[in-house]
């Protein structure tokens, strides 16, 4: 049995990504995919709410996710807008920004 090294290929090929509000949500946004995110753990609340507030993901619950998938599946312009906002929200440079901030603190 072969386990994939990651989900990048699957996420990049997805027309709509439904995921919890963790790292996979961030990866799907970075890839510019339309994302429906569920807060499945308390520590995901801020990330889901923040990205939803920016229009980069649609926040859902287990009760609403099916209807949201149906709505997006039937609305190409909404998917495109969501994908564009997702790609703009996550630049993939977070680790570099943190390292730069730490370097500035240490050098002072």
C-alpha atoms as a PDB file:
ATOM      1  CA  UNK A   1       0.000   0.000   0.000  1.00  0.00           C
ATOM      2  CA  UNK A   2       1.305   3.468  -0.919  1.00  0.00           C
ATOM      3  CA  UNK A   3       0.519   6.471   1.246  1.00  0.00           C
ATOM      4  CA  UNK A   4       0.707   9.839  -0.529  1.00  0.00           C
ATOM      5  CA  UNK A   5       3.246  12.399   0.679  1.00  0.00           C
ATOM      6  CA  UNK A   6       0.512  15.015   0.994  1.00  0.00           C
ATOM      7  CA  UNK A   7      -2.791  16.228  -0.339  1.00  0.00           C
ATOM      8  CA  UNK A   8      -1.507  18.934  -2.690  1.00  0.00           C
ATOM      9  CA  UNK A   9      -2.445  17.101  -5.901  1.00  0.00           C
ATOM     10  CA  UNK A  10      -5.909  16.207  -4.625  1.00  0.00           C
ATOM     11  CA  UNK A  11      -6.558  19.696  -3.278  1.00  0.00           C
ATOM     12  CA  UNK A  12      -5.355  21.344  -6.489  1.00  0.00           C
ATOM     13  CA  UNK A  13      -7.699  19.158  -8.543  1.00  0.00           C
ATOM     14  CA  UNK A  14     -10.753  19.703  -6.325  1.00  0.00           C
ATOM     15  CA  UNK A  15     -13.589  21.844  -7.589  1.00  0.00           C
ATOM     16  CA  UNK A  16     -14.670  22.495  -4.000  1.00  0.00           C
ATOM     17  CA  UNK A  17     -12.710  21.592  -0.868  1.00  0.00           C
ATOM     18  CA  UNK A  18     -14.634  20.671   2.283  1.00  0.00           C
ATOM     19  CA  UNK A  19     -12.314  20.489   5.255  1.00  0.00           C
ATOM     20  CA  UNK A  20     -11.859  21.202   8.917  1.00  0.00           C
ATOM     21  CA  UNK A  21     -10.366  24.556   9.856  1.00  0.00           C
ATOM     22  CA  UNK A  22      -6.778  23.394  10.277  1.00  0.00           C
ATOM     23  CA  UNK A  23      -3.710  23.134   8.093  1.00  0.00           C
ATOM     24  CA  UNK A  24      -5.553  21.508   5.180  1.00  0.00           C
ATOM     25  CA  UNK A  25      -7.833  24.568   5.028  1.00  0.00           C
ATOM     26  CA  UNK A  26      -4.773  26.813   4.801  1.00  0.00           C
ATOM     27  CA  UNK A  27      -3.192  24.611   2.125  1.00  0.00           C
ATOM     28  CA  UNK A  28      -6.380  24.616   0.046  1.00  0.00           C
ATOM     29  CA  UNK A  29      -6.581  28.408   0.333  1.00  0.00           C
ATOM     30  CA  UNK A  30      -2.937  28.753  -0.711  1.00  0.00           C
ATOM     31  CA  UNK A  31      -3.742  26.675  -3.789  1.00  0.00           C
ATOM     32  CA  UNK A  32      -6.608  29.050  -4.617  1.00  0.00           C
ATOM     33  CA  UNK A  33      -9.405  26.514  -4.205  1.00  0.00           C
ATOM     34  CA  UNK A  34     -12.958  27.332  -3.124  1.00  0.00           C
ATOM     35  CA  UNK A  35     -13.079  26.138   0.486  1.00  0.00           C
ATOM     36  CA  UNK A  36     -15.900  25.229   2.831  1.00  0.00           C
ATOM     37  CA  UNK A  37     -14.459  25.027   6.333  1.00  0.00           C
ATOM     38  CA  UNK A  38     -15.891  23.433   9.449  1.00  0.00           C
ATOM     39  CA  UNK A  39     -14.719  24.273  12.933  1.00  0.00           C
ATOM     40  CA  UNK A  40     -14.265  20.788  14.329  1.00  0.00           C
ATOM     41  CA  UNK A  41     -11.987  21.768  17.215  1.00  0.00           C
ATOM     42  CA  UNK A  42     -12.034  24.862  19.386  1.00  0.00           C
ATOM     43  CA  UNK A  43      -8.555  25.929  18.240  1.00  0.00           C
ATOM     44  CA  UNK A  44      -9.875  26.254  14.660  1.00  0.00           C
ATOM     45  CA  UNK A  45     -12.434  28.945  15.520  1.00  0.00           C
ATOM     46  CA  UNK A  46     -10.271  32.008  14.884  1.00  0.00           C
ATOM     47  CA  UNK A  47      -8.808  30.722  11.626  1.00  0.00           C
ATOM     48  CA  UNK A  48     -12.192  29.777  10.175  1.00  0.00           C
ATOM     49  CA  UNK A  49     -13.851  32.995  11.346  1.00  0.00           C
ATOM     50  CA  UNK A  50     -10.985  35.144  10.100  1.00  0.00           C
ATOM     51  CA  UNK A  51     -10.856  33.609   6.642  1.00  0.00           C
ATOM     52  CA  UNK A  52     -14.650  33.583   6.385  1.00  0.00           C
ATOM     53  CA  UNK A  53     -14.658  37.273   7.331  1.00  0.00           C
ATOM     54  CA  UNK A  54     -12.220  37.921   4.484  1.00  0.00           C
ATOM     55  CA  UNK A  55     -14.445  36.005   2.060  1.00  0.00           C
ATOM     56  CA  UNK A  56     -11.708  33.393   1.609  1.00  0.00           C
ATOM     57  CA  UNK A  57     -13.726  30.429   2.928  1.00  0.00           C
ATOM     58  CA  UNK A  58     -17.352  29.687   3.637  1.00  0.00           C
ATOM     59  CA  UNK A  59     -17.844  28.627   7.243  1.00  0.00           C
ATOM     60  CA  UNK A  60     -20.153  25.663   7.689  1.00  0.00           C
ATOM     61  CA  UNK A  61     -21.424  23.323  10.337  1.00  0.00           C
ATOM     62  CA  UNK A  62     -22.207  19.642   9.934  1.00  0.00           C
ATOM     63  CA  UNK A  63     -25.844  20.700   9.531  1.00  0.00           C
ATOM     64  CA  UNK A  64     -25.206  23.328   6.834  1.00  0.00           C
ATOM     65  CA  UNK A  65     -22.342  21.857   4.811  1.00  0.00           C
ATOM     66  CA  UNK A  66     -24.545  19.907   2.383  1.00  0.00           C
ATOM     67  CA  UNK A  67     -26.598  22.948   1.392  1.00  0.00           C
ATOM     68  CA  UNK A  68     -23.476  25.083   1.015  1.00  0.00           C
ATOM     69  CA  UNK A  69     -21.864  22.470  -1.256  1.00  0.00           C
ATOM     70  CA  UNK A  70     -25.021  22.366  -3.394  1.00  0.00           C
ATOM     71  CA  UNK A  71     -25.151  26.175  -3.622  1.00  0.00           C
ATOM     72  CA  UNK A  72     -21.491  26.510  -4.613  1.00  0.00           C
ATOM     73  CA  UNK A  73     -21.662  23.599  -7.047  1.00  0.00           C
ATOM     74  CA  UNK A  74     -24.380  25.500  -8.898  1.00  0.00           C
ATOM     75  CA  UNK A  75     -22.708  28.941  -8.778  1.00  0.00           C
ATOM     76  CA  UNK A  76     -19.510  29.141 -10.815  1.00  0.00           C
ATOM     77  CA  UNK A  77     -19.008  32.848 -10.173  1.00  0.00           C
ATOM     78  CA  UNK A  78     -19.229  32.303  -6.398  1.00  0.00           C
ATOM     79  CA  UNK A  79     -16.637  29.508  -6.648  1.00  0.00           C
ATOM     80  CA  UNK A  80     -14.294  31.715  -8.672  1.00  0.00           C
ATOM     81  CA  UNK A  81     -14.650  34.629  -6.253  1.00  0.00           C
ATOM     82  CA  UNK A  82     -14.085  32.360  -3.283  1.00  0.00           C
ATOM     83  CA  UNK A  83     -11.021  30.801  -4.917  1.00  0.00           C
ATOM     84  CA  UNK A  84      -9.533  34.217  -5.728  1.00  0.00           C
ATOM     85  CA  UNK A  85     -10.076  35.454  -2.162  1.00  0.00           C
ATOM     86  CA  UNK A  86      -8.597  32.233  -0.753  1.00  0.00           C
ATOM     87  CA  UNK A  87      -5.459  32.547  -2.850  1.00  0.00           C
ATOM     88  CA  UNK A  88      -5.053  36.194  -1.875  1.00  0.00           C
ATOM     89  CA  UNK A  89      -5.542  35.506   1.843  1.00  0.00           C
ATOM     90  CA  UNK A  90      -2.735  32.960   2.231  1.00  0.00           C
ATOM     91  CA  UNK A  91       0.583  33.925   0.674  1.00  0.00           C
ATOM     92  CA  UNK A  92       2.574  30.933   1.916  1.00  0.00           C
ATOM     93  CA  UNK A  93       5.191  33.150   3.560  1.00  0.00           C
ATOM     94  CA  UNK A  94       4.070  32.731   7.168  1.00  0.00           C
ATOM     95  CA  UNK A  95       7.140  30.814   8.326  1.00  0.00           C
ATOM     96  CA  UNK A  96       9.448  33.416   6.775  1.00  0.00           C
ATOM     97  CA  UNK A  97       7.556  36.251   8.436  1.00  0.00           C
ATOM     98  CA  UNK A  98       7.784  34.539  11.828  1.00  0.00           C
ATOM     99  CA  UNK A  99      11.512  33.863  11.371  1.00  0.00           C
ATOM    100  CA  UNK A 100      12.079  37.516  10.412  1.00  0.00           C
ATOM    101  CA  UNK A 101      10.187  38.697  13.505  1.00  0.00           C
ATOM    102  CA  UNK A 102      12.206  36.392  15.754  1.00  0.00           C
ATOM    103  CA  UNK A 103      15.436  37.608  14.170  1.00  0.00           C
ATOM    104  CA  UNK A 104      14.451  41.233  14.815  1.00  0.00           C
ATOM    105  CA  UNK A 105      13.672  40.490  18.480  1.00  0.00           C
ATOM    106  CA  UNK A 106      16.922  38.578  18.986  1.00  0.00           C
ATOM    107  CA  UNK A 107      19.054  41.252  17.291  1.00  0.00           C
ATOM    108  CA  UNK A 108      17.736  44.058  19.523  1.00  0.00           C
END
